[in-house]
Amino acid sequence: MDPITVAMVASVSLSLIIFVISSVNELIRIRQKKKEPTLQDKISELTGNLKTSVSVIAEIEKEISDKYEEWKQIEENIERNKQIKEISEAQIEAIIKTMEIPIKKESRRSLIQNSVITFIIAAAFFFLGYFLGSR
């Protein structure tokens, strides 16, 4: 036989073997699909589902905890706003008046101190100019 014929026969034989192997693999895969799952397969599937459920429940618990903290903060803000709202106008005026008295005293004291300091500085420059400028 010549080499070309041998190569063609080998190629056809190889193709036929590959076809048979793939057909057998396909038949095995189809049978496995039709075959009912074993108890071990069911247990494995349930275990996987339980693990997924546990992670989902943990996420939900964390979300609930976060929402609860937000709710507590909102409730504190509402309570604080109620207390602020309950302060009467007379109480507000009394608070303002008690704050004004120290401010007025401080501003009067500050004005006197600033005036004295300014006068002393001006006098110092006057005398320096008078004594140094006359030469």
Protein backbone atom coordinates (compact mmCIF):
# COMPACT_ATOMS: atom_id res chain seq x y z
CA MET A 1 0.00 0.00 0.00
CA ASP A 2 1.16 3.43 -0.71
CA PRO A 3 1.59 5.97 2.16
CA ILE A 4 -1.34 8.18 1.07
CA THR A 5 -3.78 5.30 1.26
CA VAL A 6 -2.42 4.26 4.65
CA ALA A 7 -2.81 7.86 5.91
CA MET A 8 -6.39 8.04 4.60
CA VAL A 9 -7.33 4.71 6.21
CA ALA A 10 -5.70 5.79 9.49
CA SER A 11 -7.54 9.13 9.35
CA VAL A 12 -10.92 7.50 8.69
CA SER A 13 -10.26 4.90 11.41
CA LEU A 14 -9.29 7.61 13.87
CA SER A 15 -12.40 9.63 13.03
CA LEU A 16 -14.56 6.54 13.48
CA ILE A 17 -12.96 5.78 16.88
CA ILE A 18 -13.48 9.41 18.02
CA PHE A 19 -17.12 9.27 16.90
CA VAL A 20 -17.71 6.01 18.78
CA ILE A 21 -16.07 7.35 21.97
CA SER A 22 -18.08 10.60 21.88
CA SER A 23 -21.29 8.66 21.25
CA VAL A 24 -20.60 6.38 24.20
CA ASN A 25 -19.84 9.42 26.41
CA GLU A 26 -23.09 11.05 25.31
CA LEU A 27 -25.07 7.90 26.12
CA ILE A 28 -23.46 7.69 29.57
CA ARG A 29 -24.28 11.36 30.23
CA ILE A 30 -27.91 10.86 29.14
CA ARG A 31 -28.27 7.82 31.39
CA GLN A 32 -26.82 9.67 34.34
CA LYS A 33 -29.32 12.48 33.83
CA LYS A 34 -32.20 10.01 33.79
CA LYS A 35 -30.88 8.14 36.80
CA GLU A 36 -32.54 9.17 40.06
CA PRO A 37 -30.24 10.93 42.50
CA THR A 38 -28.89 8.80 45.31
CA LEU A 39 -29.37 9.55 48.97
CA GLN A 40 -25.83 10.94 49.09
CA ASP A 41 -26.62 13.29 46.17
CA LYS A 42 -29.76 14.51 47.94
CA ILE A 43 -27.85 15.05 51.20
CA SER A 44 -25.14 17.00 49.38
CA GLU A 45 -27.74 19.19 47.67
CA LEU A 46 -29.55 19.83 50.96
CA THR A 47 -26.26 20.67 52.70
CA GLY A 48 -25.47 23.21 49.99
CA ASN A 49 -28.94 24.72 50.29
CA LEU A 50 -28.60 24.95 54.08
CA LYS A 51 -25.25 26.73 53.78
CA THR A 52 -26.79 29.22 51.38
CA SER A 53 -29.74 29.73 53.72
CA VAL A 54 -27.45 30.34 56.68
CA SER A 55 -25.52 33.03 54.81
CA VAL A 56 -28.75 34.71 53.64
CA ILE A 57 -30.15 34.66 57.20
CA ALA A 58 -26.91 36.18 58.53
CA GLU A 59 -27.18 39.00 55.97
CA ILE A 60 -30.82 39.61 56.94
CA GLU A 61 -29.92 39.69 60.65
CA LYS A 62 -27.18 42.25 59.98
CA GLU A 63 -29.57 44.38 57.95
CA ILE A 64 -32.18 44.22 60.72
CA SER A 65 -29.55 45.22 63.29
CA ASP A 66 -28.47 48.19 61.15
CA LYS A 67 -32.08 49.29 60.68
CA TYR A 68 -32.70 48.98 64.43
CA GLU A 69 -29.72 51.25 65.18
CA GLU A 70 -31.00 53.79 62.64
CA TRP A 71 -34.46 53.59 64.24
CA LYS A 72 -33.00 54.22 67.72
CA GLN A 73 -31.11 57.26 66.41
CA ILE A 74 -34.26 58.64 64.78
CA GLU A 75 -36.23 58.08 67.97
CA GLU A 76 -33.59 59.97 69.99
CA ASN A 77 -33.77 62.84 67.50
CA ILE A 78 -37.57 62.91 67.77
CA GLU A 79 -37.38 63.01 71.58
CA ARG A 80 -34.83 65.83 71.49
CA ASN A 81 -37.00 67.79 69.06
CA LYS A 82 -40.03 67.32 71.34
CA GLN A 83 -38.06 68.70 74.28
CA ILE A 84 -36.91 71.69 72.26
CA LYS A 85 -40.45 72.29 71.10
CA GLU A 86 -41.74 72.21 74.67
CA ILE A 87 -39.53 75.12 75.74
CA SER A 88 -41.87 78.04 76.09
CA GLU A 89 -41.26 81.50 74.73
CA ALA A 90 -40.84 82.88 78.27
CA GLN A 91 -38.12 80.32 78.96
CA ILE A 92 -36.34 81.30 75.76
CA GLU A 93 -36.46 85.00 76.70
CA ALA A 94 -35.13 84.20 80.19
CA ILE A 95 -32.24 82.25 78.70
CA ILE A 96 -31.44 85.13 76.31
CA LYS A 97 -31.53 87.69 79.14
CA THR A 98 -29.22 85.62 81.35
CA MET A 99 -26.77 85.36 78.47
CA GLU A 100 -26.92 89.13 77.70
CA ILE A 101 -25.92 90.31 81.22
CA PRO A 102 -22.40 88.77 81.21
CA ILE A 103 -21.91 89.86 77.62
CA LYS A 104 -22.85 93.49 78.42
CA LYS A 105 -20.59 93.54 81.51
CA GLU A 106 -17.73 92.04 79.52
CA SER A 107 -18.17 94.47 76.64
CA ARG A 108 -18.25 97.51 79.02
CA ARG A 109 -15.12 96.27 80.85
CA SER A 110 -13.40 95.56 77.53
CA LEU A 111 -14.23 99.04 76.21
CA ILE A 112 -12.70 100.73 79.29
CA GLN A 113 -9.55 98.58 79.10
CA ASN A 114 -9.09 99.28 75.39
CA SER A 115 -9.55 103.02 75.93
CA VAL A 116 -6.92 103.13 78.71
CA ILE A 117 -4.42 101.11 76.67
CA THR A 118 -4.95 103.32 73.62
CA PHE A 119 -4.49 106.48 75.72
CA ILE A 120 -1.24 105.16 77.24
CA ILE A 121 0.18 104.24 73.83
CA ALA A 122 -0.81 107.58 72.34
CA ALA A 123 0.76 109.45 75.29
CA ALA A 124 3.96 107.42 74.96
CA PHE A 125 4.27 108.32 71.27
CA PHE A 126 3.44 111.96 72.02
CA PHE A 127 6.22 112.25 74.61
CA LEU A 128 8.69 110.35 72.43
CA GLY A 129 7.92 112.66 69.55
CA TYR A 130 8.12 115.73 71.77
CA PHE A 131 11.48 114.89 73.34
CA LEU A 132 13.13 113.31 70.29
CA GLY A 133 11.65 115.73 67.77
CA SER A 134 12.85 118.90 69.48
CA ARG A 135 16.55 118.27 68.82
